[in-house]
Amino acid sequence: MNIFVTDPDTWKCAQMLDDLRLNKMILETAQLLSTAMRVQGYIGDDIYKIAHLNHPCSVWTRQTEANYKWLLLYMSDLCEERQRRTGKGHKSYEIFNALCGGPKLMPPGDLTPWPNCTPNKHIADIHEAYKVTMRDKWAVDKRPPKWTNAKKPDWA
């Protein structure tokens, strides 16, 4: 569970992910958003159950309306990037419309600092910490990372 915040812009974050993590992040983002809604009292059966309740990314998502909206936009951009690269949708996108009701359930407030859930907590710039983390992950992947119909990030 994580939010790979390699840039403050959600679209750029989505574009920078390799194919494997792009796919994985769609599910994890939907889980974070669903958990936030459930914690705030949502009881419908059209979203995921609570997952990773006390993970820092989960806590961050439900902290403010702006945090939730940022992550919702990120999910939309992730799904759009996957569709663009592969021509395929993602199963988690089926709950997107239900997740769009989440902002009104969240406490009002501005975007708060993203949690640093990397092993690189010593790096002050959160975006740089995630870039270093991604490079480290790619270096040990069993299969080399790939960006189907997309450009590998310059920093990779």
Protein backbone atom coordinates (compact mmCIF):
# COMPACT_ATOMS: atom_id res chain seq x y z
CA MET A 1 0.00 0.00 0.00
CA ASN A 2 1.44 3.34 -1.03
CA ILE A 3 0.90 6.44 -3.12
CA PHE A 4 3.93 6.96 -5.34
CA VAL A 5 3.94 10.76 -5.24
CA THR A 6 6.76 11.39 -7.69
CA ASP A 7 5.22 14.75 -8.63
CA PRO A 8 2.47 17.00 -7.19
CA ASP A 9 0.59 16.63 -10.50
CA THR A 10 -1.55 13.47 -10.52
CA TRP A 11 -1.25 13.03 -14.29
CA LYS A 12 2.56 13.15 -14.18
CA CYS A 13 2.57 10.64 -11.30
CA ALA A 14 0.48 8.23 -13.36
CA GLN A 15 2.65 8.62 -16.45
CA MET A 16 5.86 7.91 -14.53
CA LEU A 17 4.75 4.54 -13.20
CA ASP A 18 5.89 1.39 -14.93
CA ASP A 19 3.15 -0.92 -16.27
CA LEU A 20 3.19 -3.25 -13.25
CA ARG A 21 2.83 -0.51 -10.67
CA LEU A 22 0.37 1.45 -12.80
CA ASN A 23 -1.98 -1.51 -12.72
CA LYS A 24 -1.37 -2.17 -9.02
CA MET A 25 -1.87 1.46 -8.02
CA ILE A 26 -5.36 1.56 -9.49
CA LEU A 27 -6.53 -1.14 -7.08
CA GLU A 28 -4.66 0.32 -4.10
CA THR A 29 -6.01 3.80 -4.77
CA ALA A 30 -9.57 2.45 -5.00
CA GLN A 31 -9.00 0.65 -1.68
CA LEU A 32 -7.72 3.84 -0.02
CA LEU A 33 -10.70 5.85 -1.26
CA SER A 34 -13.19 3.13 -0.29
CA THR A 35 -11.69 2.87 3.18
CA ALA A 36 -11.93 6.64 3.65
CA MET A 37 -15.61 6.58 2.71
CA ARG A 38 -16.39 3.66 5.00
CA VAL A 39 -14.62 5.27 7.95
CA GLN A 40 -16.77 8.36 7.38
CA GLY A 41 -19.94 6.27 7.56
CA TYR A 42 -20.64 5.09 4.02
CA ILE A 43 -22.52 1.77 4.10
CA GLY A 44 -23.22 0.96 0.44
CA ASP A 45 -22.09 -2.29 -1.14
CA ASP A 46 -20.80 -0.63 -4.32
CA ILE A 47 -17.26 0.10 -3.05
CA TYR A 48 -14.50 -2.00 -1.49
CA LYS A 49 -14.40 -3.00 2.16
CA ILE A 50 -12.01 -1.35 4.62
CA ALA A 51 -8.38 -2.18 3.88
CA HIS A 52 -5.20 -1.07 5.65
CA LEU A 53 -7.17 1.17 8.02
CA ASN A 54 -4.23 2.62 9.92
CA HIS A 55 -1.66 2.79 7.12
CA PRO A 56 -0.33 6.38 6.84
CA CYS A 57 -1.68 6.67 3.28
CA SER A 58 -5.10 5.55 4.43
CA VAL A 59 -5.10 8.04 7.31
CA TRP A 60 -3.91 10.81 4.95
CA THR A 61 -6.69 10.09 2.43
CA ARG A 62 -9.46 10.70 4.94
CA GLN A 63 -7.82 13.65 6.71
CA THR A 64 -9.32 16.32 4.46
CA GLU A 65 -11.67 16.76 1.54
CA ALA A 66 -8.75 18.08 -0.55
CA ASN A 67 -6.64 14.98 0.15
CA TYR A 68 -9.50 12.75 -0.93
CA LYS A 69 -10.10 14.80 -4.09
CA TRP A 70 -6.40 14.67 -5.00
CA LEU A 71 -6.41 10.88 -4.69
CA LEU A 72 -9.69 10.59 -6.63
CA LEU A 73 -8.14 12.59 -9.48
CA TYR A 74 -5.05 10.38 -9.24
CA MET A 75 -7.22 7.27 -9.64
CA SER A 76 -8.90 8.79 -12.69
CA ASP A 77 -5.52 9.62 -14.21
CA LEU A 78 -4.16 6.15 -13.43
CA CYS A 79 -7.14 4.54 -15.19
CA GLU A 80 -6.84 6.88 -18.15
CA GLU A 81 -3.11 6.17 -18.47
CA ARG A 82 -3.71 2.40 -18.35
CA GLN A 83 -6.43 2.71 -21.00
CA ARG A 84 -4.10 4.80 -23.16
CA ARG A 85 -1.21 2.35 -22.84
CA THR A 86 -3.05 -0.94 -23.20
CA GLY A 87 -6.48 -0.17 -24.62
CA LYS A 88 -7.95 -1.94 -21.58
CA GLY A 89 -9.92 -0.67 -18.63
CA HIS A 90 -9.42 -1.76 -15.05
CA LYS A 91 -11.96 -3.64 -12.92
CA SER A 92 -11.61 -1.11 -10.08
CA TYR A 93 -12.85 1.67 -12.36
CA GLU A 94 -16.32 0.12 -12.06
CA ILE A 95 -16.63 1.68 -8.58
CA PHE A 96 -15.30 5.11 -9.59
CA ASN A 97 -18.71 6.79 -9.77
CA ALA A 98 -19.53 5.64 -6.24
CA LEU A 99 -16.15 6.93 -5.03
CA CYS A 100 -16.99 10.36 -6.49
CA GLY A 101 -19.46 10.81 -3.63
CA GLY A 102 -16.65 10.62 -1.09
CA PRO A 103 -15.48 14.24 -0.90
CA LYS A 104 -18.69 15.40 0.78
CA LEU A 105 -18.09 12.84 3.56
CA MET A 106 -14.57 14.04 4.35
CA PRO A 107 -13.66 16.77 6.84
CA PRO A 108 -13.20 20.12 5.12
CA GLY A 109 -9.63 21.25 4.64
CA ASP A 110 -6.78 21.90 2.27
CA LEU A 111 -4.29 19.41 0.88
CA THR A 112 -1.95 18.26 3.63
CA PRO A 113 1.62 16.99 3.14
CA TRP A 114 1.78 13.52 1.63
CA PRO A 115 2.99 10.79 3.96
CA ASN A 116 6.51 9.58 3.31
CA CYS A 117 6.10 5.80 3.27
CA THR A 118 9.48 5.20 1.70
CA PRO A 119 12.68 3.85 3.18
CA ASN A 120 14.12 7.26 2.21
CA LYS A 121 12.74 9.34 5.06
CA HIS A 122 16.04 11.23 5.22
CA ILE A 123 15.23 12.90 1.88
CA ALA A 124 13.36 16.13 2.65
CA ASP A 125 11.67 16.49 -0.77
CA ILE A 126 8.81 13.96 -0.80
CA HIS A 127 8.81 13.71 -4.60
CA GLU A 128 12.53 12.99 -4.70
CA ALA A 129 12.13 10.39 -1.93
CA TYR A 130 9.57 8.55 -4.06
CA LYS A 131 11.72 8.79 -7.20
CA VAL A 132 14.64 7.22 -5.33
CA THR A 133 12.29 4.53 -4.00
CA MET A 134 11.02 3.76 -7.49
CA ARG A 135 14.56 3.50 -8.89
CA ASP A 136 15.48 1.15 -6.04
CA LYS A 137 12.41 -1.03 -6.70
CA TRP A 138 13.08 -1.15 -10.44
CA ALA A 139 16.68 -2.18 -9.80
CA VAL A 140 15.59 -5.35 -7.98
CA ASP A 141 12.50 -6.28 -10.00
CA LYS A 142 12.64 -9.84 -11.34
CA ARG A 143 11.48 -8.53 -14.71
CA PRO A 144 12.77 -5.22 -16.02
CA PRO A 145 10.13 -2.49 -15.74
CA LYS A 146 8.41 -1.46 -18.93
CA TRP A 147 6.30 1.43 -20.10
CA THR A 148 4.04 0.12 -22.88
CA ASN A 149 3.36 2.89 -25.38
CA ALA A 150 4.88 5.35 -22.93
CA LYS A 151 8.20 6.97 -22.24
CA LYS A 152 10.35 5.92 -19.31
CA PRO A 153 10.77 8.89 -16.92
CA ASP A 154 13.99 10.86 -17.39
CA TRP A 155 14.93 10.27 -13.75
CA ALA A 156 14.46 6.48 -13.94
